[in-house]
Amino acid sequence: MNGKTATIYISDNSPSCEKLINQMEKWGISYRIKNITKNNDIKKDLQNQGIYGTPATFIKGNSEPILGVQLSKLKRELNVHDS
């Protein structure tokens, strides 16, 4: 693990969200899930930031979230190196 942590906003029944979570597991990245389907306050928090889709990944120390499943960008921002 590289010490970077992420908060991922997800929604239920989303193949993109599942793909992202699976990839984070493979990379060994610590993450926290915020499910907008199960908590309307979390959904409002995300929408107040101008984001209306999931997944949305916030990496500690970065100012801008990564929207969708942008694996190359996530790897770069999380300092993931292929072994």
N, C-alpha and C. Protein backbone atom coordinates (compact mmCIF):
# COMPACT_ATOMS: atom_id res chain seq x y z
N MET A 1 0.84 -1.18 0.00
CA MET A 1 0.00 0.00 0.00
C MET A 1 0.89 1.24 0.00
N ASN A 2 0.38 2.32 -0.62
CA ASN A 2 1.21 3.51 -0.81
C ASN A 2 0.89 4.65 0.14
N GLY A 3 -0.06 4.48 1.05
CA GLY A 3 -0.39 5.53 1.99
C GLY A 3 -1.48 6.48 1.54
N LYS A 4 -1.79 6.49 0.25
CA LYS A 4 -2.86 7.35 -0.24
C LYS A 4 -4.21 6.72 0.11
N THR A 5 -5.17 7.56 0.44
CA THR A 5 -6.51 7.07 0.72
C THR A 5 -7.51 7.81 -0.16
N ALA A 6 -8.65 7.16 -0.37
CA ALA A 6 -9.67 7.74 -1.24
C ALA A 6 -11.04 7.60 -0.60
N THR A 7 -11.91 8.52 -0.95
CA THR A 7 -13.32 8.43 -0.62
C THR A 7 -14.05 8.31 -1.95
N ILE A 8 -14.86 7.25 -2.07
CA ILE A 8 -15.54 6.99 -3.33
C ILE A 8 -17.04 7.07 -3.12
N TYR A 9 -17.66 7.97 -3.86
CA TYR A 9 -19.11 8.08 -3.86
C TYR A 9 -19.63 7.09 -4.90
N ILE A 10 -20.53 6.21 -4.45
CA ILE A 10 -21.07 5.18 -5.34
C ILE A 10 -22.60 5.20 -5.28
N SER A 11 -23.19 4.46 -6.21
CA SER A 11 -24.63 4.21 -6.18
C SER A 11 -24.86 2.72 -6.39
N ASP A 12 -25.98 2.23 -5.90
CA ASP A 12 -26.31 0.82 -6.02
C ASP A 12 -26.53 0.43 -7.48
N ASN A 13 -26.27 -0.83 -7.78
CA ASN A 13 -26.52 -1.42 -9.11
C ASN A 13 -25.79 -0.68 -10.23
N SER A 14 -24.58 -0.24 -9.95
CA SER A 14 -23.77 0.48 -10.94
C SER A 14 -22.55 -0.37 -11.32
N PRO A 15 -22.52 -0.89 -12.55
CA PRO A 15 -21.35 -1.65 -12.98
C PRO A 15 -20.06 -0.83 -12.91
N SER A 16 -20.14 0.46 -13.19
CA SER A 16 -18.94 1.31 -13.12
C SER A 16 -18.41 1.40 -11.70
N CYS A 17 -19.31 1.54 -10.75
CA CYS A 17 -18.90 1.61 -9.34
C CYS A 17 -18.27 0.29 -8.91
N GLU A 18 -18.88 -0.82 -9.30
CA GLU A 18 -18.33 -2.13 -8.96
C GLU A 18 -16.95 -2.32 -9.56
N LYS A 19 -16.78 -1.90 -10.82
CA LYS A 19 -15.49 -2.03 -11.49
C LYS A 19 -14.42 -1.23 -10.74
N LEU A 20 -14.77 -0.01 -10.35
CA LEU A 20 -13.81 0.84 -9.65
C LEU A 20 -13.42 0.24 -8.29
N ILE A 21 -14.40 -0.22 -7.53
CA ILE A 21 -14.11 -0.82 -6.22
C ILE A 21 -13.21 -2.05 -6.38
N ASN A 22 -13.53 -2.89 -7.36
CA ASN A 22 -12.70 -4.09 -7.60
C ASN A 22 -11.27 -3.70 -7.93
N GLN A 23 -11.09 -2.65 -8.73
CA GLN A 23 -9.75 -2.23 -9.10
C GLN A 23 -9.00 -1.67 -7.89
N MET A 24 -9.68 -0.92 -7.06
CA MET A 24 -9.03 -0.39 -5.85
C MET A 24 -8.56 -1.54 -4.95
N GLU A 25 -9.38 -2.58 -4.86
CA GLU A 25 -9.00 -3.76 -4.08
C GLU A 25 -7.73 -4.40 -4.66
N LYS A 26 -7.69 -4.55 -5.98
CA LYS A 26 -6.52 -5.16 -6.64
C LYS A 26 -5.26 -4.34 -6.39
N TRP A 27 -5.41 -3.01 -6.40
CA TRP A 27 -4.26 -2.14 -6.17
C TRP A 27 -3.89 -2.02 -4.70
N GLY A 28 -4.75 -2.49 -3.80
CA GLY A 28 -4.46 -2.40 -2.37
C GLY A 28 -4.60 -1.00 -1.81
N ILE A 29 -5.50 -0.21 -2.39
CA ILE A 29 -5.71 1.17 -1.96
C ILE A 29 -6.76 1.21 -0.85
N SER A 30 -6.47 1.96 0.20
CA SER A 30 -7.45 2.16 1.27
C SER A 30 -8.51 3.13 0.78
N TYR A 31 -9.75 2.80 0.99
CA TYR A 31 -10.82 3.68 0.55
C TYR A 31 -12.00 3.62 1.49
N ARG A 32 -12.80 4.67 1.42
CA ARG A 32 -14.03 4.76 2.19
C ARG A 32 -15.17 4.93 1.19
N ILE A 33 -16.27 4.26 1.42
CA ILE A 33 -17.42 4.30 0.52
C ILE A 33 -18.47 5.25 1.09
N LYS A 34 -19.04 6.07 0.21
CA LYS A 34 -20.21 6.87 0.55
C LYS A 34 -21.26 6.53 -0.50
N ASN A 35 -22.33 5.87 -0.06
CA ASN A 35 -23.37 5.40 -0.98
C ASN A 35 -24.50 6.41 -1.07
N ILE A 36 -24.65 7.03 -2.25
CA ILE A 36 -25.69 8.04 -2.42
C ILE A 36 -27.08 7.44 -2.53
N THR A 37 -27.17 6.16 -2.88
CA THR A 37 -28.47 5.50 -2.98
C THR A 37 -29.07 5.30 -1.60
N LYS A 38 -28.22 5.01 -0.63
CA LYS A 38 -28.69 4.66 0.71
C LYS A 38 -28.79 5.87 1.64
N ASN A 39 -28.21 7.01 1.23
CA ASN A 39 -28.20 8.16 2.13
C ASN A 39 -28.39 9.44 1.32
N ASN A 40 -29.55 10.02 1.44
CA ASN A 40 -29.88 11.22 0.66
C ASN A 40 -29.01 12.42 1.05
N ASP A 41 -28.56 12.49 2.31
CA ASP A 41 -27.67 13.58 2.72
C ASP A 41 -26.33 13.50 1.98
N ILE A 42 -25.83 12.29 1.80
CA ILE A 42 -24.59 12.10 1.06
C ILE A 42 -24.79 12.51 -0.40
N LYS A 43 -25.94 12.14 -0.95
CA LYS A 43 -26.26 12.53 -2.33
C LYS A 43 -26.28 14.05 -2.47
N LYS A 44 -26.89 14.73 -1.50
CA LYS A 44 -26.95 16.20 -1.53
C LYS A 44 -25.56 16.81 -1.40
N ASP A 45 -24.72 16.23 -0.54
CA ASP A 45 -23.34 16.71 -0.39
C ASP A 45 -22.61 16.67 -1.74
N LEU A 46 -22.76 15.58 -2.45
CA LEU A 46 -22.11 15.42 -3.75
C LEU A 46 -22.68 16.41 -4.76
N GLN A 47 -23.99 16.55 -4.78
CA GLN A 47 -24.63 17.48 -5.71
C GLN A 47 -24.25 18.93 -5.41
N ASN A 48 -24.05 19.26 -4.15
CA ASN A 48 -23.62 20.61 -3.77
C ASN A 48 -22.23 20.94 -4.32
N GLN A 49 -21.48 19.90 -4.68
CA GLN A 49 -20.17 20.10 -5.30
C GLN A 49 -20.27 20.11 -6.82
N GLY A 50 -21.51 20.04 -7.33
CA GLY A 50 -21.73 20.07 -8.78
C GLY A 50 -21.54 18.73 -9.46
N ILE A 51 -21.58 17.65 -8.68
CA ILE A 51 -21.38 16.31 -9.22
C ILE A 51 -22.69 15.55 -9.12
N TYR A 52 -23.13 15.00 -10.25
CA TYR A 52 -24.43 14.32 -10.31
C TYR A 52 -24.33 12.87 -10.76
N GLY A 53 -23.13 12.34 -10.86
CA GLY A 53 -22.96 10.95 -11.28
C GLY A 53 -21.95 10.23 -10.40
N THR A 54 -22.01 8.92 -10.47
CA THR A 54 -21.06 8.09 -9.73
C THR A 54 -20.41 7.11 -10.71
N PRO A 55 -19.24 6.62 -10.38
CA PRO A 55 -18.45 6.90 -9.19
C PRO A 55 -17.74 8.25 -9.27
N ALA A 56 -17.51 8.81 -8.11
CA ALA A 56 -16.71 10.03 -7.96
C ALA A 56 -15.69 9.75 -6.87
N THR A 57 -14.42 9.85 -7.21
CA THR A 57 -13.35 9.50 -6.29
C THR A 57 -12.60 10.75 -5.83
N PHE A 58 -12.53 10.92 -4.53
CA PHE A 58 -11.79 12.02 -3.93
C PHE A 58 -10.56 11.42 -3.26
N ILE A 59 -9.39 11.86 -3.68
CA ILE A 59 -8.13 11.35 -3.12
C ILE A 59 -7.59 12.38 -2.15
N LYS A 60 -7.27 11.92 -0.95
CA LYS A 60 -6.75 12.82 0.08
C LYS A 60 -5.52 13.55 -0.45
N GLY A 61 -5.56 14.86 -0.32
CA GLY A 61 -4.45 15.67 -0.79
C GLY A 61 -4.66 16.26 -2.18
N ASN A 62 -5.65 15.78 -2.90
CA ASN A 62 -5.96 16.31 -4.23
C ASN A 62 -7.18 17.21 -4.14
N SER A 63 -7.19 18.27 -4.91
CA SER A 63 -8.31 19.21 -4.84
C SER A 63 -9.47 18.80 -5.74
N GLU A 64 -9.20 18.14 -6.84
CA GLU A 64 -10.25 17.79 -7.80
C GLU A 64 -10.59 16.30 -7.72
N PRO A 65 -11.88 15.97 -7.75
CA PRO A 65 -12.27 14.56 -7.78
C PRO A 65 -12.02 13.95 -9.15
N ILE A 66 -11.94 12.64 -9.19
CA ILE A 66 -11.85 11.91 -10.45
C ILE A 66 -13.21 11.28 -10.69
N LEU A 67 -13.83 11.66 -11.80
CA LEU A 67 -15.18 11.20 -12.09
C LEU A 67 -15.13 10.00 -13.01
N GLY A 68 -16.02 9.04 -12.76
CA GLY A 68 -16.09 7.85 -13.59
C GLY A 68 -14.97 6.88 -13.26
N VAL A 69 -14.69 6.00 -14.22
CA VAL A 69 -13.65 4.99 -14.04
C VAL A 69 -12.48 5.34 -14.97
N GLN A 70 -11.69 6.29 -14.55
CA GLN A 70 -10.51 6.73 -15.30
C GLN A 70 -9.29 6.06 -14.70
N LEU A 71 -9.07 4.81 -15.08
CA LEU A 71 -8.04 4.00 -14.42
C LEU A 71 -6.64 4.60 -14.55
N SER A 72 -6.28 5.13 -15.72
CA SER A 72 -4.94 5.71 -15.88
C SER A 72 -4.74 6.90 -14.96
N LYS A 73 -5.74 7.75 -14.89
CA LYS A 73 -5.65 8.93 -14.02
C LYS A 73 -5.61 8.51 -12.55
N LEU A 74 -6.42 7.53 -12.18
CA LEU A 74 -6.41 7.03 -10.80
C LEU A 74 -5.04 6.45 -10.45
N LYS A 75 -4.47 5.65 -11.34
CA LYS A 75 -3.14 5.07 -11.09
C LYS A 75 -2.11 6.16 -10.85
N ARG A 76 -2.14 7.18 -11.69
CA ARG A 76 -1.19 8.27 -11.56
C ARG A 76 -1.38 9.01 -10.24
N GLU A 77 -2.60 9.37 -9.92
CA GLU A 77 -2.87 10.15 -8.71
C GLU A 77 -2.65 9.34 -7.43
N LEU A 78 -2.84 8.04 -7.51
CA LEU A 78 -2.65 7.17 -6.34
C LEU A 78 -1.25 6.58 -6.26
N ASN A 79 -0.39 6.93 -7.23
CA ASN A 79 0.98 6.40 -7.28
C ASN A 79 1.02 4.89 -7.33
N VAL A 80 0.15 4.32 -8.16
CA VAL A 80 0.12 2.86 -8.32
C VAL A 80 1.10 2.49 -9.43
N HIS A 81 1.95 1.52 -9.13
CA HIS A 81 2.93 1.05 -10.10
C HIS A 81 2.70 -0.43 -10.34
N ASP A 82 2.70 -0.82 -11.60
CA ASP A 82 2.54 -2.24 -11.92
C ASP A 82 3.79 -2.98 -11.48
N SER A 83 3.53 -4.18 -10.92
CA SER A 83 4.70 -4.96 -10.47
C SER A 83 4.98 -6.10 -11.40
